[in-house]
Amino acid sequence: MLCDVFSSRRKADTYLYLQHGADFDDVPEPLRESFGPPTKVLTVNLAKRDQLARISSADLIKHLKETGFYLQLPPQQESLK
């Protein structure tokens, strides 16, 4: 499965994964509004990868089939208190 990865111009280190060729307009409107205009950063062949930055290819494929997208948010910062 091919997957397109888009970055958000509004939120740093936030990425949206869609099945290759999927229409951004099919993403729920509240997410489109908060994500802002997408910038395509790459297309990846999930069949050739076991792991991406923060999710396994198998889990990503599951998300794409069930919801049509996967939203990757920046890692949570630990409090230094």
PDB file of N, CA and C in Angstrom:
ATOM      1  N   MET A   1       0.843  -1.186   0.000  1.00  0.00           N
ATOM      2  CA  MET A   1       0.000   0.000   0.000  1.00  0.00           C
ATOM      3  C   MET A   1       0.880   1.238   0.000  1.00  0.00           C
ATOM      4  N   LEU A   2       0.543   2.185  -0.859  1.00  0.00           N
ATOM      5  CA  LEU A   2       1.230   3.470  -0.875  1.00  0.00           C
ATOM      6  C   LEU A   2       0.490   4.443   0.034  1.00  0.00           C
ATOM      7  N   CYS A   3       1.248   5.283   0.696  1.00  0.00           N
ATOM      8  CA  CYS A   3       0.690   6.232   1.653  1.00  0.00           C
ATOM      9  C   CYS A   3       1.322   7.604   1.401  1.00  0.00           C
ATOM     10  N   ASP A   4       0.484   8.633   1.356  1.00  0.00           N
ATOM     11  CA  ASP A   4       0.961  10.010   1.226  1.00  0.00           C
ATOM     12  C   ASP A   4       1.025  10.638   2.609  1.00  0.00           C
ATOM     13  N   VAL A   5       2.088  11.367   2.862  1.00  0.00           N
ATOM     14  CA  VAL A   5       2.286  12.026   4.152  1.00  0.00           C
ATOM     15  C   VAL A   5       2.269  13.536   3.925  1.00  0.00           C
ATOM     16  N   PHE A   6       1.449  14.226   4.726  1.00  0.00           N
ATOM     17  CA  PHE A   6       1.297  15.673   4.618  1.00  0.00           C
ATOM     18  C   PHE A   6       1.682  16.318   5.942  1.00  0.00           C
ATOM     19  N   SER A   7       2.322  17.475   5.872  1.00  0.00           N
ATOM     20  CA  SER A   7       2.630  18.233   7.089  1.00  0.00           C
ATOM     21  C   SER A   7       1.649  19.391   7.208  1.00  0.00           C
ATOM     22  N   SER A   8       1.468  19.813   8.446  1.00  0.00           N
ATOM     23  CA  SER A   8       0.586  20.940   8.734  1.00  0.00           C
ATOM     24  C   SER A   8       1.411  22.219   8.757  1.00  0.00           C
ATOM     25  N   ARG A   9       0.888  23.267   8.147  1.00  0.00           N
ATOM     26  CA  ARG A   9       1.552  24.577   8.214  1.00  0.00           C
ATOM     27  C   ARG A   9       1.211  25.289   9.517  1.00  0.00           C
ATOM     28  N   ARG A  10       0.140  24.848  10.156  1.00  0.00           N
ATOM     29  CA  ARG A  10      -0.322  25.521  11.381  1.00  0.00           C
ATOM     30  C   ARG A  10       0.253  24.913  12.655  1.00  0.00           C
ATOM     31  N   LYS A  11       0.550  23.615  12.621  1.00  0.00           N
ATOM     32  CA  LYS A  11       0.984  22.927  13.839  1.00  0.00           C
ATOM     33  C   LYS A  11       2.310  22.227  13.579  1.00  0.00           C
ATOM     34  N   ALA A  12       3.330  22.624  14.305  1.00  0.00           N
ATOM     35  CA  ALA A  12       4.659  22.049  14.118  1.00  0.00           C
ATOM     36  C   ALA A  12       4.667  20.560  14.423  1.00  0.00           C
ATOM     37  N   ASP A  13       5.433  19.809  13.659  1.00  0.00           N
ATOM     38  CA  ASP A  13       5.619  18.367  13.853  1.00  0.00           C
ATOM     39  C   ASP A  13       4.310  17.585  13.864  1.00  0.00           C
ATOM     40  N   THR A  14       3.336  18.039  13.079  1.00  0.00           N
ATOM     41  CA  THR A  14       2.048  17.362  12.953  1.00  0.00           C
ATOM     42  C   THR A  14       1.899  16.889  11.511  1.00  0.00           C
ATOM     43  N   TYR A  15       1.605  15.590  11.366  1.00  0.00           N
ATOM     44  CA  TYR A  15       1.541  14.978  10.038  1.00  0.00           C
ATOM     45  C   TYR A  15       0.245  14.202   9.874  1.00  0.00           C
ATOM     46  N   LEU A  16      -0.262  14.197   8.657  1.00  0.00           N
ATOM     47  CA  LEU A  16      -1.467  13.462   8.316  1.00  0.00           C
ATOM     48  C   LEU A  16      -1.104  12.444   7.244  1.00  0.00           C
ATOM     49  N   TYR A  17      -1.432  11.188   7.506  1.00  0.00           N
ATOM     50  CA  TYR A  17      -1.166  10.102   6.576  1.00  0.00           C
ATOM     51  C   TYR A  17      -2.477   9.721   5.900  1.00  0.00           C
ATOM     52  N   LEU A  18      -2.455   9.646   4.571  1.00  0.00           N
ATOM     53  CA  LEU A  18      -3.615   9.236   3.785  1.00  0.00           C
ATOM     54  C   LEU A  18      -3.175   8.178   2.785  1.00  0.00           C
ATOM     55  N   GLN A  19      -4.101   7.285   2.452  1.00  0.00           N
ATOM     56  CA  GLN A  19      -3.795   6.316   1.402  1.00  0.00           C
ATOM     57  C   GLN A  19      -3.497   7.096   0.125  1.00  0.00           C
ATOM     58  N   HIS A  20      -2.497   6.647  -0.617  1.00  0.00           N
ATOM     59  CA  HIS A  20      -2.055   7.346  -1.820  1.00  0.00           C
ATOM     60  C   HIS A  20      -3.245   7.653  -2.733  1.00  0.00           C
ATOM     61  N   GLY A  21      -3.363   8.904  -3.117  1.00  0.00           N
ATOM     62  CA  GLY A  21      -4.422   9.325  -4.022  1.00  0.00           C
ATOM     63  C   GLY A  21      -5.719   9.704  -3.337  1.00  0.00           C
ATOM     64  N   ALA A  22      -5.813   9.503  -2.017  1.00  0.00           N
ATOM     65  CA  ALA A  22      -7.028   9.869  -1.294  1.00  0.00           C
ATOM     66  C   ALA A  22      -7.196  11.389  -1.313  1.00  0.00           C
ATOM     67  N   ASP A  23      -8.425  11.828  -1.223  1.00  0.00           N
ATOM     68  CA  ASP A  23      -8.751  13.250  -1.288  1.00  0.00           C
ATOM     69  C   ASP A  23      -8.760  13.849   0.125  1.00  0.00           C
ATOM     70  N   PHE A  24      -8.015  14.933   0.317  1.00  0.00           N
ATOM     71  CA  PHE A  24      -7.971  15.612   1.619  1.00  0.00           C
ATOM     72  C   PHE A  24      -9.370  16.049   2.054  1.00  0.00           C
ATOM     73  N   ASP A  25     -10.273  16.278   1.106  1.00  0.00           N
ATOM     74  CA  ASP A  25     -11.635  16.688   1.440  1.00  0.00           C
ATOM     75  C   ASP A  25     -12.425  15.578   2.123  1.00  0.00           C
ATOM     76  N   ASP A  26     -11.932  14.334   2.074  1.00  0.00           N
ATOM     77  CA  ASP A  26     -12.602  13.228   2.756  1.00  0.00           C
ATOM     78  C   ASP A  26     -12.259  13.153   4.242  1.00  0.00           C
ATOM     79  N   VAL A  27     -11.262  13.923   4.676  1.00  0.00           N
ATOM     80  CA  VAL A  27     -10.894  14.013   6.087  1.00  0.00           C
ATOM     81  C   VAL A  27     -11.983  14.815   6.793  1.00  0.00           C
ATOM     82  N   PRO A  28     -12.364  14.429   8.032  1.00  0.00           N
ATOM     83  CA  PRO A  28     -13.405  15.177   8.742  1.00  0.00           C
ATOM     84  C   PRO A  28     -13.103  16.684   8.789  1.00  0.00           C
ATOM     85  N   GLU A  29     -14.146  17.468   8.599  1.00  0.00           N
ATOM     86  CA  GLU A  29     -13.982  18.928   8.507  1.00  0.00           C
ATOM     87  C   GLU A  29     -13.269  19.545   9.711  1.00  0.00           C
ATOM     88  N   PRO A  30     -13.590  19.172  10.955  1.00  0.00           N
ATOM     89  CA  PRO A  30     -12.868  19.790  12.081  1.00  0.00           C
ATOM     90  C   PRO A  30     -11.358  19.556  12.016  1.00  0.00           C
ATOM     91  N   LEU A  31     -10.961  18.375  11.550  1.00  0.00           N
ATOM     92  CA  LEU A  31      -9.530  18.092  11.414  1.00  0.00           C
ATOM     93  C   LEU A  31      -8.925  18.914  10.282  1.00  0.00           C
ATOM     94  N   ARG A  32      -9.624  19.022   9.170  1.00  0.00           N
ATOM     95  CA  ARG A  32      -9.124  19.851   8.050  1.00  0.00           C
ATOM     96  C   ARG A  32      -8.940  21.290   8.500  1.00  0.00           C
ATOM     97  N   GLU A  33      -9.902  21.800   9.263  1.00  0.00           N
ATOM     98  CA  GLU A  33      -9.834  23.193   9.729  1.00  0.00           C
ATOM     99  C   GLU A  33      -8.622  23.418  10.638  1.00  0.00           C
ATOM    100  N   SER A  34      -8.404  22.512  11.602  1.00  0.00           N
ATOM    101  CA  SER A  34      -7.300  22.715  12.535  1.00  0.00           C
ATOM    102  C   SER A  34      -5.947  22.399  11.895  1.00  0.00           C
ATOM    103  N   PHE A  35      -5.919  21.464  10.948  1.00  0.00           N
ATOM    104  CA  PHE A  35      -4.675  21.079  10.278  1.00  0.00           C
ATOM    105  C   PHE A  35      -4.205  22.168   9.325  1.00  0.00           C
ATOM    106  N   GLY A  36      -5.156  22.801   8.669  1.00  0.00           N
ATOM    107  CA  GLY A  36      -4.812  23.840   7.701  1.00  0.00           C
ATOM    108  C   GLY A  36      -4.462  23.244   6.355  1.00  0.00           C
ATOM    109  N   PRO A  37      -4.015  24.080   5.418  1.00  0.00           N
ATOM    110  CA  PRO A  37      -3.655  23.589   4.089  1.00  0.00           C
ATOM    111  C   PRO A  37      -2.517  22.572   4.182  1.00  0.00           C
ATOM    112  N   PRO A  38      -2.715  21.378   3.618  1.00  0.00           N
ATOM    113  CA  PRO A  38      -1.674  20.356   3.722  1.00  0.00           C
ATOM    114  C   PRO A  38      -0.528  20.595   2.754  1.00  0.00           C
ATOM    115  N   THR A  39       0.657  20.196   3.177  1.00  0.00           N
ATOM    116  CA  THR A  39       1.838  20.220   2.326  1.00  0.00           C
ATOM    117  C   THR A  39       2.339  18.789   2.213  1.00  0.00           C
ATOM    118  N   LYS A  40       2.302  18.239   0.999  1.00  0.00           N
ATOM    119  CA  LYS A  40       2.753  16.862   0.817  1.00  0.00           C
ATOM    120  C   LYS A  40       4.263  16.797   0.976  1.00  0.00           C
ATOM    121  N   VAL A  41       4.707  15.880   1.855  1.00  0.00           N
ATOM    122  CA  VAL A  41       6.137  15.766   2.094  1.00  0.00           C
ATOM    123  C   VAL A  41       6.730  14.501   1.487  1.00  0.00           C
ATOM    124  N   LEU A  42       5.934  13.431   1.366  1.00  0.00           N
ATOM    125  CA  LEU A  42       6.453  12.231   0.739  1.00  0.00           C
ATOM    126  C   LEU A  42       5.358  11.201   0.499  1.00  0.00           C
ATOM    127  N   THR A  43       5.677  10.237  -0.348  1.00  0.00           N
ATOM    128  CA  THR A  43       4.853   9.053  -0.558  1.00  0.00           C
ATOM    129  C   THR A  43       5.715   7.870  -0.162  1.00  0.00           C
ATOM    130  N   VAL A  44       5.171   6.983   0.661  1.00  0.00           N
ATOM    131  CA  VAL A  44       5.945   5.849   1.158  1.00  0.00           C
ATOM    132  C   VAL A  44       5.220   4.548   0.814  1.00  0.00           C
ATOM    133  N   ASN A  45       5.986   3.531   0.439  1.00  0.00           N
ATOM    134  CA  ASN A  45       5.449   2.206   0.174  1.00  0.00           C
ATOM    135  C   ASN A  45       5.484   1.425   1.486  1.00  0.00           C
ATOM    136  N   LEU A  46       4.326   1.221   2.093  1.00  0.00           N
ATOM    137  CA  LEU A  46       4.262   0.565   3.399  1.00  0.00           C
ATOM    138  C   LEU A  46       4.624  -0.910   3.328  1.00  0.00           C
ATOM    139  N   ALA A  47       4.532  -1.519   2.161  1.00  0.00           N
ATOM    140  CA  ALA A  47       4.894  -2.926   2.012  1.00  0.00           C
ATOM    141  C   ALA A  47       6.400  -3.135   2.168  1.00  0.00           C
ATOM    142  N   LYS A  48       7.164  -2.082   1.994  1.00  0.00           N
ATOM    143  CA  LYS A  48       8.627  -2.189   2.070  1.00  0.00           C
ATOM    144  C   LYS A  48       9.187  -1.695   3.397  1.00  0.00           C
ATOM    145  N   ARG A  49       8.302  -1.357   4.350  1.00  0.00           N
ATOM    146  CA  ARG A  49       8.766  -0.833   5.641  1.00  0.00           C
ATOM    147  C   ARG A  49       8.036  -1.544   6.759  1.00  0.00           C
ATOM    148  N   ASP A  50       8.756  -1.849   7.815  1.00  0.00           N
ATOM    149  CA  ASP A  50       8.126  -2.434   9.002  1.00  0.00           C
ATOM    150  C   ASP A  50       7.715  -1.347   9.978  1.00  0.00           C
ATOM    151  N   GLN A  51       8.471  -0.274  10.012  1.00  0.00           N
ATOM    152  CA  GLN A  51       8.274   0.773  11.013  1.00  0.00           C
ATOM    153  C   GLN A  51       8.487   2.134  10.380  1.00  0.00           C
ATOM    154  N   LEU A  52       7.643   3.093  10.778  1.00  0.00           N
ATOM    155  CA  LEU A  52       7.861   4.485  10.421  1.00  0.00           C
ATOM    156  C   LEU A  52       8.322   5.193  11.686  1.00  0.00           C
ATOM    157  N   ALA A  53       8.347   6.492  11.688  1.00  0.00           N
ATOM    158  CA  ALA A  53       8.892   7.243  12.822  1.00  0.00           C
ATOM    159  C   ALA A  53       8.238   6.874  14.156  1.00  0.00           C
ATOM    160  N   ARG A  54       6.901   6.862  14.201  1.00  0.00           N
ATOM    161  CA  ARG A  54       6.229   6.641  15.486  1.00  0.00           C
ATOM    162  C   ARG A  54       5.139   5.589  15.442  1.00  0.00           C
ATOM    163  N   ILE A  55       5.044   4.847  14.347  1.00  0.00           N
ATOM    164  CA  ILE A  55       3.999   3.846  14.213  1.00  0.00           C
ATOM    165  C   ILE A  55       4.498   2.725  13.291  1.00  0.00           C
ATOM    166  N   SER A  56       4.053   1.512  13.573  1.00  0.00           N
ATOM    167  CA  SER A  56       4.422   0.397  12.695  1.00  0.00           C
ATOM    168  C   SER A  56       3.600   0.479  11.410  1.00  0.00           C
ATOM    169  N   SER A  57       4.131  -0.079  10.360  1.00  0.00           N
ATOM    170  CA  SER A  57       3.391  -0.089   9.086  1.00  0.00           C
ATOM    171  C   SER A  57       2.068  -0.818   9.236  1.00  0.00           C
ATOM    172  N   ALA A  58       2.051  -1.924   9.992  1.00  0.00           N
ATOM    173  CA  ALA A  58       0.817  -2.691  10.191  1.00  0.00           C
ATOM    174  C   ALA A  58      -0.251  -1.851  10.891  1.00  0.00           C
ATOM    175  N   ASP A  59       0.137  -1.110  11.928  1.00  0.00           N
ATOM    176  CA  ASP A  59      -0.824  -0.252  12.633  1.00  0.00           C
ATOM    177  C   ASP A  59      -1.298   0.892  11.744  1.00  0.00           C
ATOM    178  N   LEU A  60      -0.402   1.436  10.949  1.00  0.00           N
ATOM    179  CA  LEU A  60      -0.772   2.529  10.051  1.00  0.00           C
ATOM    180  C   LEU A  60      -1.769   2.043   8.999  1.00  0.00           C
ATOM    181  N   ILE A  61      -1.519   0.879   8.422  1.00  0.00           N
ATOM    182  CA  ILE A  61      -2.453   0.319   7.440  1.00  0.00           C
ATOM    183  C   ILE A  61      -3.814   0.098   8.077  1.00  0.00           C
ATOM    184  N   LYS A  62      -3.838  -0.389   9.301  1.00  0.00           N
ATOM    185  CA  LYS A  62      -5.101  -0.594  10.020  1.00  0.00           C
ATOM    186  C   LYS A  62      -5.858   0.726  10.172  1.00  0.00           C
ATOM    187  N   HIS A  63      -5.167   1.784  10.594  1.00  0.00           N
ATOM    188  CA  HIS A  63      -5.796   3.107  10.728  1.00  0.00           C
ATOM    189  C   HIS A  63      -6.344   3.588   9.389  1.00  0.00           C
ATOM    190  N   LEU A  64      -5.543   3.444   8.338  1.00  0.00           N
ATOM    191  CA  LEU A  64      -5.969   3.930   7.025  1.00  0.00           C
ATOM    192  C   LEU A  64      -7.204   3.181   6.532  1.00  0.00           C
ATOM    193  N   LYS A  65      -7.279   1.888   6.781  1.00  0.00           N
ATOM    194  CA  LYS A  65      -8.437   1.111   6.345  1.00  0.00           C
ATOM    195  C   LYS A  65      -9.680   1.404   7.189  1.00  0.00           C
ATOM    196  N   GLU A  66      -9.490   1.633   8.494  1.00  0.00           N
ATOM    197  CA  GLU A  66     -10.630   1.849   9.388  1.00  0.00           C
ATOM    198  C   GLU A  66     -11.167   3.279   9.347  1.00  0.00           C
ATOM    199  N   THR A  67     -10.276   4.255   9.357  1.00  0.00           N
ATOM    200  CA  THR A  67     -10.728   5.652   9.442  1.00  0.00           C
ATOM    201  C   THR A  67     -10.423   6.463   8.195  1.00  0.00           C
ATOM    202  N   GLY A  68      -9.536   5.953   7.353  1.00  0.00           N
ATOM    203  CA  GLY A  68      -9.181   6.666   6.138  1.00  0.00           C
ATOM    204  C   GLY A  68      -8.006   7.611   6.300  1.00  0.00           C
ATOM    205  N   PHE A  69      -7.528   7.765   7.538  1.00  0.00           N
ATOM    206  CA  PHE A  69      -6.394   8.662   7.779  1.00  0.00           C
ATOM    207  C   PHE A  69      -5.726   8.286   9.095  1.00  0.00           C
ATOM    208  N   TYR A  70      -4.529   8.846   9.303  1.00  0.00           N
ATOM    209  CA  TYR A  70      -3.841   8.726  10.586  1.00  0.00           C
ATOM    210  C   TYR A  70      -3.203  10.078  10.876  1.00  0.00           C
ATOM    211  N   LEU A  71      -3.461  10.607  12.051  1.00  0.00           N
ATOM    212  CA  LEU A  71      -2.902  11.890  12.469  1.00  0.00           C
ATOM    213  C   LEU A  71      -1.763  11.639  13.440  1.00  0.00           C
ATOM    214  N   GLN A  72      -0.573  12.104  13.098  1.00  0.00           N
ATOM    215  CA  GLN A  72       0.589  11.983  13.971  1.00  0.00           C
ATOM    216  C   GLN A  72       0.858  13.336  14.610  1.00  0.00           C
ATOM    217  N   LEU A  73       0.729  13.371  15.919  1.00  0.00           N
ATOM    218  CA  LEU A  73       0.971  14.594  16.683  1.00  0.00           C
ATOM    219  C   LEU A  73       2.397  14.592  17.232  1.00  0.00           C
ATOM    220  N   PRO A  74       2.918  15.752  17.593  1.00  0.00           N
ATOM    221  CA  PRO A  74       4.278  15.796  18.156  1.00  0.00           C
ATOM    222  C   PRO A  74       4.312  15.045  19.481  1.00  0.00           C
ATOM    223  N   PRO A  75       5.475  14.497  19.832  1.00  0.00           N
ATOM    224  CA  PRO A  75       5.573  13.793  21.120  1.00  0.00           C
ATOM    225  C   PRO A  75       5.344  14.768  22.269  1.00  0.00           C
ATOM    226  N   GLN A  76       4.771  14.250  23.333  1.00  0.00           N
ATOM    227  CA  GLN A  76       4.510  15.080  24.508  1.00  0.00           C
ATOM    228  C   GLN A  76       5.828  15.399  25.200  1.00  0.00           C
ATOM    229  N   GLN A  77       5.953  16.636  25.619  1.00  0.00           N
ATOM    230  CA  GLN A  77       7.151  17.058  26.345  1.00  0.00           C
ATOM    231  C   GLN A  77       6.995  16.698  27.824  1.00  0.00           C
ATOM    232  N   GLU A  78       8.038  16.155  28.391  1.00  0.00           N
ATOM    233  CA  GLU A  78       8.005  15.835  29.810  1.00  0.00           C
ATOM    234  C   GLU A  78       8.188  17.102  30.631  1.00  0.00           C
ATOM    235  N   SER A  79       7.479  17.157  31.727  1.00  0.00           N
ATOM    236  CA  SER A  79       7.612  18.301  32.615  1.00  0.00           C
ATOM    237  C   SER A  79       8.908  18.169  33.409  1.00  0.00           C
ATOM    238  N   LEU A  80       9.613  19.268  33.548  1.00  0.00           N
ATOM    239  CA  LEU A  80      10.878  19.263  34.280  1.00  0.00           C
ATOM    240  C   LEU A  80      10.724  19.793  35.703  1.00  0.00           C
ATOM    241  N   LYS A  81       9.546  19.684  36.229  1.00  0.00           N
ATOM    242  CA  LYS A  81       9.283  20.179  37.594  1.00  0.00           C
ATOM    243  C   LYS A  81       9.985  19.360  38.623  1.00  0.00           C
TER     244      LYS A  81
END
